[in-house]
Amino acid sequence: MAIWLNTFAIAVITFFIANLAVSLMVSVLDQRFLGMEVEPRKTILWLLVAIPWCVAVLVSSYFLYKFSSLDPFSWSTAYAHWHHMDVYAVFSWHSITLLLALLGIAYVLTRKISLLLKHKNELLLLSGFAREIERQVYELELPQACAFTSGFLTKHCYITSGMLNATTVQEQAVILGHEKAHAKNNDPLKKWLFSILAAFFLPSLTARLKLHMTLAMEQAADNAVLSEENISSTMVAATLVKVARLNAAEAPLVNNELVANFGADVLEQRVYFLLGRLELKPVNKLLTLIFIVLIIVASLSAIDSVHHLMETIFSH
């Protein structure tokens, strides 16, 4: 039990170190994400929010393996080691660290699941106003101009009567093509899962990561309209601007963390992208790999130092 508890403590400390490294990287290179190609950018964003978890599992597994496979003398001189791996003091900073980690995870999961259940109830209420106008596309009898996609296993696209009345047939083709692309890509589920992983960063960084993912998903859906609906990029851009004006008077009836909507989200970048004013470049895979390796090496190197520091401040 002591070995497993110490392994968990190592995972928590590693997560904190990797989280700090990712936070610094995102803060420094924030604007450069806008210049990356859409699909590789989405992959990079998923990688960034998943790195702390992956590195925590990898490093803690390394410590567990090295302790189990080496004799005590070899373990004490290893590149990275944890003093007294087989001894765990319950009334120590280790327990406080583990408790805070468990409380943090429980808080985030409880909050996200409660928001999901609330959203599900809201959709059930909306379904009373909905009528199917084509396969998996429903009209809501509401005056607000709004269109969005929701659902995890069974995806549905919704468009309000206010939006239909305020737009032309061609503009409706843009809007519904965009929402169908969200449904095809399973964006509502991906957006919710991404928000869970991003929630373990500082609030300002969480908002920034979610905004970058929203932009990438919206640009991918805009691209789908251009390729599948045979509509010009200027038409899509004009529709975006028109819907943004319609939404200026009152906010859309959507929760952005649980749905993918056609609206004014990251409008400027989307319009520039559609009009060819925003040049996107491929992701440098070598630099990405180097960044991941550096985080792993830094985490392994820092564990012993962090342990000594904590022992000095909070002695057993």
C-alpha atoms as a PDB file:
ATOM      1  CA  MET A   1       0.000   0.000   0.000  1.00  0.00           C
ATOM      2  CA  ALA A   2       2.857   2.384   0.831  1.00  0.00           C
ATOM      3  CA  ILE A   3       4.441   1.801  -2.578  1.00  0.00           C
ATOM      4  CA  TRP A   4       1.178   2.480  -4.400  1.00  0.00           C
ATOM      5  CA  LEU A   5       0.462   5.634  -2.374  1.00  0.00           C
ATOM      6  CA  ASN A   6       3.962   6.948  -3.064  1.00  0.00           C
ATOM      7  CA  THR A   7       3.493   6.145  -6.766  1.00  0.00           C
ATOM      8  CA  PHE A   8       0.293   8.169  -6.761  1.00  0.00           C
ATOM      9  CA  ALA A   9       2.122  11.049  -5.052  1.00  0.00           C
ATOM     10  CA  ILE A  10       4.804  10.904  -7.766  1.00  0.00           C
ATOM     11  CA  ALA A  11       2.069  11.035 -10.420  1.00  0.00           C
ATOM     12  CA  VAL A  12       0.516  14.122  -8.805  1.00  0.00           C
ATOM     13  CA  ILE A  13       3.843  15.980  -8.602  1.00  0.00           C
ATOM     14  CA  THR A  14       4.701  15.000 -12.175  1.00  0.00           C
ATOM     15  CA  PHE A  15       1.312  16.249 -13.344  1.00  0.00           C
ATOM     16  CA  PHE A  16       2.000  19.614 -11.698  1.00  0.00           C
ATOM     17  CA  ILE A  17       5.449  19.898 -13.340  1.00  0.00           C
ATOM     18  CA  ALA A  18       4.139  18.928 -16.799  1.00  0.00           C
ATOM     19  CA  ASN A  19       1.134  21.214 -16.383  1.00  0.00           C
ATOM     20  CA  LEU A  20       3.463  24.127 -15.599  1.00  0.00           C
ATOM     21  CA  ALA A  21       5.614  23.357 -18.667  1.00  0.00           C
ATOM     22  CA  VAL A  22       2.559  23.229 -20.963  1.00  0.00           C
ATOM     23  CA  SER A  23       1.206  26.455 -19.442  1.00  0.00           C
ATOM     24  CA  LEU A  24       4.453  28.287 -20.136  1.00  0.00           C
ATOM     25  CA  MET A  25       4.538  26.932 -23.684  1.00  0.00           C
ATOM     26  CA  VAL A  26       0.953  27.995 -24.434  1.00  0.00           C
ATOM     27  CA  SER A  27       1.511  31.443 -22.903  1.00  0.00           C
ATOM     28  CA  VAL A  28       4.616  32.066 -25.023  1.00  0.00           C
ATOM     29  CA  LEU A  29       3.324  30.621 -28.309  1.00  0.00           C
ATOM     30  CA  ASP A  30      -0.350  31.589 -27.956  1.00  0.00           C
ATOM     31  CA  GLN A  31      -0.651  33.625 -31.170  1.00  0.00           C
ATOM     32  CA  ARG A  32       1.279  31.085 -33.235  1.00  0.00           C
ATOM     33  CA  PHE A  33      -1.539  28.585 -32.914  1.00  0.00           C
ATOM     34  CA  LEU A  34      -3.599  30.816 -35.223  1.00  0.00           C
ATOM     35  CA  GLY A  35      -1.126  30.197 -38.054  1.00  0.00           C
ATOM     36  CA  MET A  36      -1.242  26.376 -37.875  1.00  0.00           C
ATOM     37  CA  GLU A  37      -3.237  24.241 -40.300  1.00  0.00           C
ATOM     38  CA  VAL A  38      -6.614  23.287 -38.866  1.00  0.00           C
ATOM     39  CA  GLU A  39      -6.424  19.505 -38.352  1.00  0.00           C
ATOM     40  CA  PRO A  40      -2.806  19.442 -37.061  1.00  0.00           C
ATOM     41  CA  ARG A  41      -3.722  22.332 -34.734  1.00  0.00           C
ATOM     42  CA  LYS A  42      -6.564  20.289 -33.259  1.00  0.00           C
ATOM     43  CA  THR A  43      -4.152  17.401 -32.702  1.00  0.00           C
ATOM     44  CA  ILE A  44      -1.652  19.718 -31.000  1.00  0.00           C
ATOM     45  CA  LEU A  45      -4.342  21.126 -28.707  1.00  0.00           C
ATOM     46  CA  TRP A  46      -5.468  17.616 -27.698  1.00  0.00           C
ATOM     47  CA  LEU A  47      -1.830  16.742 -27.102  1.00  0.00           C
ATOM     48  CA  LEU A  48      -1.285  19.788 -24.885  1.00  0.00           C
ATOM     49  CA  VAL A  49      -4.204  19.063 -22.553  1.00  0.00           C
ATOM     50  CA  ALA A  50      -3.353  15.328 -22.436  1.00  0.00           C
ATOM     51  CA  ILE A  51       0.427  15.657 -21.892  1.00  0.00           C
ATOM     52  CA  PRO A  52       0.271  16.213 -18.082  1.00  0.00           C
ATOM     53  CA  TRP A  53      -1.824  13.048 -17.647  1.00  0.00           C
ATOM     54  CA  CYS A  54       0.309  10.938 -20.000  1.00  0.00           C
ATOM     55  CA  VAL A  55       3.605  12.122 -18.496  1.00  0.00           C
ATOM     56  CA  ALA A  56       2.272  11.537 -14.961  1.00  0.00           C
ATOM     57  CA  VAL A  57       1.391   7.921 -15.829  1.00  0.00           C
ATOM     58  CA  LEU A  58       4.677   7.374 -17.652  1.00  0.00           C
ATOM     59  CA  VAL A  59       6.940   8.813 -14.933  1.00  0.00           C
ATOM     60  CA  SER A  60       5.120   7.156 -12.034  1.00  0.00           C
ATOM     61  CA  SER A  61       5.238   3.814 -13.901  1.00  0.00           C
ATOM     62  CA  TYR A  62       8.976   4.298 -14.388  1.00  0.00           C
ATOM     63  CA  PHE A  63       9.499   4.839 -10.656  1.00  0.00           C
ATOM     64  CA  LEU A  64       7.361   1.837  -9.804  1.00  0.00           C
ATOM     65  CA  TYR A  65       9.208  -0.377 -12.282  1.00  0.00           C
ATOM     66  CA  LYS A  66      12.690   0.762 -11.214  1.00  0.00           C
ATOM     67  CA  PHE A  67      11.907   0.241  -7.526  1.00  0.00           C
ATOM     68  CA  SER A  68      10.472  -3.224  -8.179  1.00  0.00           C
ATOM     69  CA  SER A  69      13.288  -4.417 -10.431  1.00  0.00           C
ATOM     70  CA  LEU A  70      16.443  -3.048  -8.765  1.00  0.00           C
ATOM     71  CA  ASP A  71      18.156  -3.819  -5.494  1.00  0.00           C
ATOM     72  CA  PRO A  72      18.245  -1.018  -2.858  1.00  0.00           C
ATOM     73  CA  PHE A  73      21.798   0.054  -3.691  1.00  0.00           C
ATOM     74  CA  SER A  74      21.091   0.424  -7.405  1.00  0.00           C
ATOM     75  CA  TRP A  75      17.850   2.279  -6.647  1.00  0.00           C
ATOM     76  CA  SER A  76      19.617   4.853  -4.443  1.00  0.00           C
ATOM     77  CA  THR A  77      22.025   5.757  -7.253  1.00  0.00           C
ATOM     78  CA  ALA A  78      19.440   5.736 -10.058  1.00  0.00           C
ATOM     79  CA  TYR A  79      18.994   8.768 -12.320  1.00  0.00           C
ATOM     80  CA  ALA A  80      15.648   9.510 -10.697  1.00  0.00           C
ATOM     81  CA  HIS A  81      14.507   8.022  -7.421  1.00  0.00           C
ATOM     82  CA  TRP A  82      12.086   8.541  -4.532  1.00  0.00           C
ATOM     83  CA  HIS A  83      13.416   8.160  -0.998  1.00  0.00           C
ATOM     84  CA  HIS A  84      11.667   5.564   1.185  1.00  0.00           C
ATOM     85  CA  MET A  85       9.437   4.287  -1.597  1.00  0.00           C
ATOM     86  CA  ASP A  86       8.218   1.473   0.638  1.00  0.00           C
ATOM     87  CA  VAL A  87       7.427   3.790   3.596  1.00  0.00           C
ATOM     88  CA  TYR A  88       4.435   6.095   3.687  1.00  0.00           C
ATOM     89  CA  ALA A  89       3.680   8.521   6.505  1.00  0.00           C
ATOM     90  CA  VAL A  90      -0.069   9.084   6.600  1.00  0.00           C
ATOM     91  CA  PHE A  91       0.164  12.372   8.518  1.00  0.00           C
ATOM     92  CA  SER A  92       2.475  14.164   6.090  1.00  0.00           C
ATOM     93  CA  TRP A  93       2.500  16.479   3.091  1.00  0.00           C
ATOM     94  CA  HIS A  94       2.118  13.396   0.882  1.00  0.00           C
ATOM     95  CA  SER A  95      -1.398  12.819   2.165  1.00  0.00           C
ATOM     96  CA  ILE A  96      -2.317  16.488   1.780  1.00  0.00           C
ATOM     97  CA  THR A  97      -1.069  16.388  -1.824  1.00  0.00           C
ATOM     98  CA  LEU A  98      -3.079  13.271  -2.619  1.00  0.00           C
ATOM     99  CA  LEU A  99      -6.190  14.634  -0.918  1.00  0.00           C
ATOM    100  CA  LEU A 100      -6.047  17.928  -2.813  1.00  0.00           C
ATOM    101  CA  ALA A 101      -5.546  16.045  -6.085  1.00  0.00           C
ATOM    102  CA  LEU A 102      -8.539  13.790  -5.442  1.00  0.00           C
ATOM    103  CA  LEU A 103     -10.718  16.735  -4.412  1.00  0.00           C
ATOM    104  CA  GLY A 104      -9.701  18.654  -7.542  1.00  0.00           C
ATOM    105  CA  ILE A 105     -10.512  15.734  -9.843  1.00  0.00           C
ATOM    106  CA  ALA A 106     -13.820  15.089  -8.067  1.00  0.00           C
ATOM    107  CA  TYR A 107     -14.788  18.774  -8.280  1.00  0.00           C
ATOM    108  CA  VAL A 108     -14.099  19.044 -12.019  1.00  0.00           C
ATOM    109  CA  LEU A 109     -15.884  15.793 -12.882  1.00  0.00           C
ATOM    110  CA  THR A 110     -18.879  16.620 -10.690  1.00  0.00           C
ATOM    111  CA  ARG A 111     -19.196  20.081 -12.217  1.00  0.00           C
ATOM    112  CA  LYS A 112     -18.879  18.861 -15.802  1.00  0.00           C
ATOM    113  CA  ILE A 113     -21.333  15.985 -15.335  1.00  0.00           C
ATOM    114  CA  SER A 114     -23.871  18.263 -13.613  1.00  0.00           C
ATOM    115  CA  LEU A 115     -23.617  20.723 -16.522  1.00  0.00           C
ATOM    116  CA  LEU A 116     -24.135  17.824 -18.920  1.00  0.00           C
ATOM    117  CA  LEU A 117     -27.267  16.641 -17.092  1.00  0.00           C
ATOM    118  CA  LYS A 118     -28.632  20.199 -16.960  1.00  0.00           C
ATOM    119  CA  HIS A 119     -27.993  20.599 -20.689  1.00  0.00           C
ATOM    120  CA  LYS A 120     -29.751  17.291 -21.383  1.00  0.00           C
ATOM    121  CA  ASN A 121     -32.830  18.503 -19.501  1.00  0.00           C
ATOM    122  CA  GLU A 122     -32.773  21.777 -21.434  1.00  0.00           C
ATOM    123  CA  LEU A 123     -32.720  19.856 -24.729  1.00  0.00           C
ATOM    124  CA  LEU A 124     -35.670  17.746 -23.596  1.00  0.00           C
ATOM    125  CA  LEU A 125     -37.635  20.950 -22.975  1.00  0.00           C
ATOM    126  CA  LEU A 126     -36.601  22.343 -26.363  1.00  0.00           C
ATOM    127  CA  SER A 127     -37.679  19.154 -28.121  1.00  0.00           C
ATOM    128  CA  GLY A 128     -41.277  20.136 -27.375  1.00  0.00           C
ATOM    129  CA  PHE A 129     -40.815  23.085 -29.751  1.00  0.00           C
ATOM    130  CA  ALA A 130     -38.975  21.100 -32.430  1.00  0.00           C
ATOM    131  CA  ARG A 131     -40.165  19.589 -35.686  1.00  0.00           C
ATOM    132  CA  GLU A 132     -38.015  17.574 -38.073  1.00  0.00           C
ATOM    133  CA  ILE A 133     -37.498  19.375 -41.372  1.00  0.00           C
ATOM    134  CA  GLU A 134     -34.964  16.890 -42.758  1.00  0.00           C
ATOM    135  CA  ARG A 135     -32.986  13.927 -41.461  1.00  0.00           C
ATOM    136  CA  GLN A 136     -31.433  14.834 -38.067  1.00  0.00           C
ATOM    137  CA  VAL A 137     -32.270  18.517 -38.599  1.00  0.00           C
ATOM    138  CA  TYR A 138     -34.947  20.124 -36.416  1.00  0.00           C
ATOM    139  CA  GLU A 139     -36.615  23.519 -36.446  1.00  0.00           C
ATOM    140  CA  LEU A 140     -37.270  25.234 -33.116  1.00  0.00           C
ATOM    141  CA  GLU A 141     -40.176  27.669 -32.894  1.00  0.00           C
ATOM    142  CA  LEU A 142     -38.151  30.469 -31.314  1.00  0.00           C
ATOM    143  CA  PRO A 143     -37.722  34.110 -32.399  1.00  0.00           C
ATOM    144  CA  GLN A 144     -33.959  34.181 -31.732  1.00  0.00           C
ATOM    145  CA  ALA A 145     -31.640  33.587 -34.704  1.00  0.00           C
ATOM    146  CA  CYS A 146     -29.692  30.516 -33.679  1.00  0.00           C
ATOM    147  CA  ALA A 147     -28.343  27.243 -35.093  1.00  0.00           C
ATOM    148  CA  PHE A 148     -26.417  24.591 -33.200  1.00  0.00           C
ATOM    149  CA  THR A 149     -25.560  20.907 -33.002  1.00  0.00           C
ATOM    150  CA  SER A 150     -25.900  18.834 -29.853  1.00  0.00           C
ATOM    151  CA  GLY A 151     -25.881  15.214 -28.736  1.00  0.00           C
ATOM    152  CA  PHE A 152     -23.085  12.761 -28.052  1.00  0.00           C
ATOM    153  CA  LEU A 153     -24.211   9.384 -29.372  1.00  0.00           C
ATOM    154  CA  THR A 154     -27.142  10.631 -31.452  1.00  0.00           C
ATOM    155  CA  LYS A 155     -26.370  14.037 -32.896  1.00  0.00           C
ATOM    156  CA  HIS A 156     -29.083  16.494 -33.930  1.00  0.00           C
ATOM    157  CA  CYS A 157     -28.821  19.830 -35.704  1.00  0.00           C
ATOM    158  CA  TYR A 158     -31.200  22.585 -34.593  1.00  0.00           C
ATOM    159  CA  ILE A 159     -32.134  25.809 -36.325  1.00  0.00           C
ATOM    160  CA  THR A 160     -34.654  28.319 -35.005  1.00  0.00           C
ATOM    161  CA  SER A 161     -37.564  29.760 -36.956  1.00  0.00           C
ATOM    162  CA  GLY A 162     -36.021  33.155 -36.275  1.00  0.00           C
ATOM    163  CA  MET A 163     -32.895  32.096 -38.169  1.00  0.00           C
ATOM    164  CA  LEU A 164     -34.916  30.631 -41.058  1.00  0.00           C
ATOM    165  CA  ASN A 165     -37.004  33.778 -41.396  1.00  0.00           C
ATOM    166  CA  ALA A 166     -33.955  36.056 -41.373  1.00  0.00           C
ATOM    167  CA  THR A 167     -31.840  34.160 -43.930  1.00  0.00           C
ATOM    168  CA  THR A 168     -32.016  33.192 -47.599  1.00  0.00           C
ATOM    169  CA  VAL A 169     -32.076  29.636 -48.970  1.00  0.00           C
ATOM    170  CA  GLN A 170     -28.381  29.823 -49.863  1.00  0.00           C
ATOM    171  CA  GLU A 171     -27.469  31.165 -46.426  1.00  0.00           C
ATOM    172  CA  GLN A 172     -29.466  28.349 -44.848  1.00  0.00           C
ATOM    173  CA  ALA A 173     -27.457  25.869 -46.930  1.00  0.00           C
ATOM    174  CA  VAL A 174     -24.276  27.355 -45.444  1.00  0.00           C
ATOM    175  CA  ILE A 175     -25.605  27.222 -41.885  1.00  0.00           C
ATOM    176  CA  LEU A 176     -27.009  23.690 -42.068  1.00  0.00           C
ATOM    177  CA  GLY A 177     -23.954  22.391 -43.945  1.00  0.00           C
ATOM    178  CA  HIS A 178     -21.810  23.816 -41.174  1.00  0.00           C
ATOM    179  CA  GLU A 179     -23.916  22.156 -38.452  1.00  0.00           C
ATOM    180  CA  LYS A 180     -23.964  18.811 -40.271  1.00  0.00           C
ATOM    181  CA  ALA A 181     -20.166  18.939 -40.372  1.00  0.00           C
ATOM    182  CA  HIS A 182     -20.135  19.395 -36.575  1.00  0.00           C
ATOM    183  CA  ALA A 183     -22.401  16.372 -36.217  1.00  0.00           C
ATOM    184  CA  LYS A 184     -20.249  14.277 -38.565  1.00  0.00           C
ATOM    185  CA  ASN A 185     -17.080  15.187 -36.641  1.00  0.00           C
ATOM    186  CA  ASN A 186     -18.806  14.464 -33.301  1.00  0.00           C
ATOM    187  CA  ASP A 187     -17.750  17.932 -32.123  1.00  0.00           C
ATOM    188  CA  PRO A 188     -20.194  18.274 -29.180  1.00  0.00           C
ATOM    189  CA  LEU A 189     -18.684  15.225 -27.437  1.00  0.00           C
ATOM    190  CA  LYS A 190     -15.117  16.218 -28.304  1.00  0.00           C
ATOM    191  CA  LYS A 191     -15.725  19.759 -27.078  1.00  0.00           C
ATOM    192  CA  TRP A 192     -17.051  18.496 -23.730  1.00  0.00           C
ATOM    193  CA  LEU A 193     -14.150  16.060 -23.237  1.00  0.00           C
ATOM    194  CA  PHE A 194     -11.646  18.767 -24.166  1.00  0.00           C
ATOM    195  CA  SER A 195     -13.209  21.139 -21.631  1.00  0.00           C
ATOM    196  CA  ILE A 196     -12.692  18.498 -18.905  1.00  0.00           C
ATOM    197  CA  LEU A 197      -8.972  18.099 -19.660  1.00  0.00           C
ATOM    198  CA  ALA A 198      -8.502  21.874 -20.071  1.00  0.00           C
ATOM    199  CA  ALA A 199     -10.184  22.537 -16.706  1.00  0.00           C
ATOM    200  CA  PHE A 200      -7.055  21.386 -14.834  1.00  0.00           C
ATOM    201  CA  PHE A 201      -5.079  24.429 -15.986  1.00  0.00           C
ATOM    202  CA  LEU A 202      -5.291  27.971 -14.619  1.00  0.00           C
ATOM    203  CA  PRO A 203      -8.664  29.574 -15.501  1.00  0.00           C
ATOM    204  CA  SER A 204      -7.149  32.099 -17.928  1.00  0.00           C
ATOM    205  CA  LEU A 205      -5.238  29.348 -19.717  1.00  0.00           C
ATOM    206  CA  THR A 206      -8.305  27.094 -19.735  1.00  0.00           C
ATOM    207  CA  ALA A 207     -10.288  29.820 -21.505  1.00  0.00           C
ATOM    208  CA  ARG A 208      -7.477  30.308 -24.023  1.00  0.00           C
ATOM    209  CA  LEU A 209      -7.189  26.598 -24.837  1.00  0.00           C
ATOM    210  CA  LYS A 210     -10.955  26.233 -25.238  1.00  0.00           C
ATOM    211  CA  LEU A 211     -11.056  29.280 -27.512  1.00  0.00           C
ATOM    212  CA  HIS A 212      -8.329  27.819 -29.738  1.00  0.00           C
ATOM    213  CA  MET A 213     -10.183  24.490 -29.964  1.00  0.00           C
ATOM    214  CA  THR A 214     -13.464  26.277 -30.740  1.00  0.00           C
ATOM    215  CA  LEU A 215     -11.759  28.188 -33.555  1.00  0.00           C
ATOM    216  CA  ALA A 216     -10.219  24.995 -34.983  1.00  0.00           C
ATOM    217  CA  MET A 217     -13.572  23.157 -34.907  1.00  0.00           C
ATOM    218  CA  GLU A 218     -15.399  26.081 -36.498  1.00  0.00           C
ATOM    219  CA  GLN A 219     -12.783  26.431 -39.242  1.00  0.00           C
ATOM    220  CA  ALA A 220     -12.971  22.683 -39.930  1.00  0.00           C
ATOM    221  CA  ALA A 221     -16.777  22.936 -40.260  1.00  0.00           C
ATOM    222  CA  ASP A 222     -16.414  25.984 -42.538  1.00  0.00           C
ATOM    223  CA  ASN A 223     -14.000  23.969 -44.691  1.00  0.00           C
ATOM    224  CA  ALA A 224     -16.545  21.148 -44.916  1.00  0.00           C
ATOM    225  CA  VAL A 225     -19.154  23.569 -46.271  1.00  0.00           C
ATOM    226  CA  LEU A 226     -16.719  24.685 -48.986  1.00  0.00           C
ATOM    227  CA  SER A 227     -15.838  21.132 -50.050  1.00  0.00           C
ATOM    228  CA  GLU A 228     -19.174  19.320 -49.658  1.00  0.00           C
ATOM    229  CA  GLU A 229     -21.790  21.998 -50.362  1.00  0.00           C
ATOM    230  CA  ASN A 230     -19.962  23.600 -53.322  1.00  0.00           C
ATOM    231  CA  ILE A 231     -20.428  27.082 -51.873  1.00  0.00           C
ATOM    232  CA  SER A 232     -17.925  29.926 -52.280  1.00  0.00           C
ATOM    233  CA  SER A 233     -15.799  31.075 -49.375  1.00  0.00           C
ATOM    234  CA  THR A 234     -17.087  34.644 -49.726  1.00  0.00           C
ATOM    235  CA  MET A 235     -20.663  33.359 -49.323  1.00  0.00           C
ATOM    236  CA  VAL A 236     -19.728  31.519 -46.117  1.00  0.00           C
ATOM    237  CA  ALA A 237     -17.925  34.605 -44.788  1.00  0.00           C
ATOM    238  CA  ALA A 238     -20.888  36.858 -45.621  1.00  0.00           C
ATOM    239  CA  THR A 239     -23.269  34.452 -43.861  1.00  0.00           C
ATOM    240  CA  LEU A 240     -21.025  34.458 -40.785  1.00  0.00           C
ATOM    241  CA  VAL A 241     -21.087  38.257 -40.612  1.00  0.00           C
ATOM    242  CA  LYS A 242     -24.861  38.375 -41.102  1.00  0.00           C
ATOM    243  CA  VAL A 243     -25.499  35.826 -38.325  1.00  0.00           C
ATOM    244  CA  ALA A 244     -23.118  37.746 -36.032  1.00  0.00           C
ATOM    245  CA  ARG A 245     -25.234  40.868 -36.598  1.00  0.00           C
ATOM    246  CA  LEU A 246     -28.428  38.941 -35.886  1.00  0.00           C
ATOM    247  CA  ASN A 247     -26.893  37.676 -32.630  1.00  0.00           C
ATOM    248  CA  ALA A 248     -25.704  41.141 -31.596  1.00  0.00           C
ATOM    249  CA  ALA A 249     -29.083  42.065 -30.132  1.00  0.00           C
ATOM    250  CA  GLU A 250     -29.413  38.932 -27.956  1.00  0.00           C
ATOM    251  CA  ALA A 251     -27.098  36.044 -27.198  1.00  0.00           C
ATOM    252  CA  PRO A 252     -27.755  32.608 -28.799  1.00  0.00           C
ATOM    253  CA  LEU A 253     -29.559  30.050 -26.640  1.00  0.00           C
ATOM    254  CA  VAL A 254     -26.636  27.653 -26.392  1.00  0.00           C
ATOM    255  CA  ASN A 255     -24.042  26.496 -23.896  1.00  0.00           C
ATOM    256  CA  ASN A 256     -20.764  26.720 -25.812  1.00  0.00           C
ATOM    257  CA  GLU A 257     -19.141  23.975 -23.767  1.00  0.00           C
ATOM    258  CA  LEU A 258     -21.716  21.380 -24.774  1.00  0.00           C
ATOM    259  CA  VAL A 259     -22.768  22.335 -28.287  1.00  0.00           C
ATOM    260  CA  ALA A 260     -21.199  23.427 -31.539  1.00  0.00           C
ATOM    261  CA  ASN A 261     -22.995  26.452 -32.916  1.00  0.00           C
ATOM    262  CA  PHE A 262     -23.004  28.635 -35.991  1.00  0.00           C
ATOM    263  CA  GLY A 263     -22.476  32.086 -34.540  1.00  0.00           C
ATOM    264  CA  ALA A 264     -20.045  34.862 -33.784  1.00  0.00           C
ATOM    265  CA  ASP A 265     -17.423  32.705 -32.030  1.00  0.00           C
ATOM    266  CA  VAL A 266     -13.909  33.801 -33.121  1.00  0.00           C
ATOM    267  CA  LEU A 267     -15.542  35.627 -36.033  1.00  0.00           C
ATOM    268  CA  GLU A 268     -12.568  37.692 -37.182  1.00  0.00           C
ATOM    269  CA  GLN A 269     -10.185  34.750 -37.585  1.00  0.00           C
ATOM    270  CA  ARG A 270     -12.825  32.669 -39.379  1.00  0.00           C
ATOM    271  CA  VAL A 271     -13.577  35.441 -41.873  1.00  0.00           C
ATOM    272  CA  TYR A 272      -9.880  36.098 -42.531  1.00  0.00           C
ATOM    273  CA  PHE A 273      -9.379  32.360 -43.026  1.00  0.00           C
ATOM    274  CA  LEU A 274     -12.265  32.105 -45.512  1.00  0.00           C
ATOM    275  CA  LEU A 275     -11.112  35.141 -47.480  1.00  0.00           C
ATOM    276  CA  GLY A 276      -7.553  33.835 -47.756  1.00  0.00           C
ATOM    277  CA  ARG A 277      -6.113  36.564 -45.540  1.00  0.00           C
ATOM    278  CA  LEU A 278      -4.850  34.081 -42.943  1.00  0.00           C
ATOM    279  CA  GLU A 279      -2.055  31.832 -44.226  1.00  0.00           C
ATOM    280  CA  LEU A 280      -1.861  28.523 -42.364  1.00  0.00           C
ATOM    281  CA  LYS A 281       1.340  26.491 -42.088  1.00  0.00           C
ATOM    282  CA  PRO A 282       1.943  22.832 -41.180  1.00  0.00           C
ATOM    283  CA  VAL A 283       2.977  21.874 -37.660  1.00  0.00           C
ATOM    284  CA  ASN A 284       6.662  21.188 -37.065  1.00  0.00           C
ATOM    285  CA  LYS A 285       6.565  17.542 -35.933  1.00  0.00           C
ATOM    286  CA  LEU A 286      10.213  17.498 -34.862  1.00  0.00           C
ATOM    287  CA  LEU A 287       9.786  20.462 -32.507  1.00  0.00           C
ATOM    288  CA  THR A 288       6.629  18.873 -31.110  1.00  0.00           C
ATOM    289  CA  LEU A 289       8.498  15.642 -30.382  1.00  0.00           C
ATOM    290  CA  ILE A 290      11.399  17.547 -28.790  1.00  0.00           C
ATOM    291  CA  PHE A 291       8.925  19.432 -26.569  1.00  0.00           C
ATOM    292  CA  ILE A 292       7.355  16.175 -25.349  1.00  0.00           C
ATOM    293  CA  VAL A 293      10.757  14.598 -24.650  1.00  0.00           C
ATOM    294  CA  LEU A 294      11.897  17.698 -22.756  1.00  0.00           C
ATOM    295  CA  ILE A 295       8.808  17.572 -20.524  1.00  0.00           C
ATOM    296  CA  ILE A 296       9.436  13.899 -19.714  1.00  0.00           C
ATOM    297  CA  VAL A 297      13.141  14.519 -18.977  1.00  0.00           C
ATOM    298  CA  ALA A 298      12.362  17.622 -16.908  1.00  0.00           C
ATOM    299  CA  SER A 299       9.755  15.736 -14.894  1.00  0.00           C
ATOM    300  CA  LEU A 300      12.135  12.865 -14.165  1.00  0.00           C
ATOM    301  CA  SER A 301      14.901  15.281 -13.218  1.00  0.00           C
ATOM    302  CA  ALA A 302      12.726  17.457 -11.010  1.00  0.00           C
ATOM    303  CA  ILE A 303      10.984  14.749  -8.958  1.00  0.00           C
ATOM    304  CA  ASP A 304      13.893  14.202  -6.565  1.00  0.00           C
ATOM    305  CA  SER A 305      14.482  17.958  -6.147  1.00  0.00           C
ATOM    306  CA  VAL A 306      10.807  18.652  -5.483  1.00  0.00           C
ATOM    307  CA  HIS A 307      10.698  15.786  -3.002  1.00  0.00           C
ATOM    308  CA  HIS A 308      13.721  17.164  -1.105  1.00  0.00           C
ATOM    309  CA  LEU A 309      12.218  20.659  -1.121  1.00  0.00           C
ATOM    310  CA  MET A 310       8.903  19.469   0.244  1.00  0.00           C
ATOM    311  CA  GLU A 311      10.641  17.348   2.889  1.00  0.00           C
ATOM    312  CA  THR A 312      12.603  20.420   3.973  1.00  0.00           C
ATOM    313  CA  ILE A 313       9.516  22.615   4.252  1.00  0.00           C
ATOM    314  CA  PHE A 314       7.125  19.974   5.616  1.00  0.00           C
ATOM    315  CA  SER A 315       9.299  17.540   7.529  1.00  0.00           C
ATOM    316  CA  HIS A 316       7.876  14.161   8.530  1.00  0.00           C
END
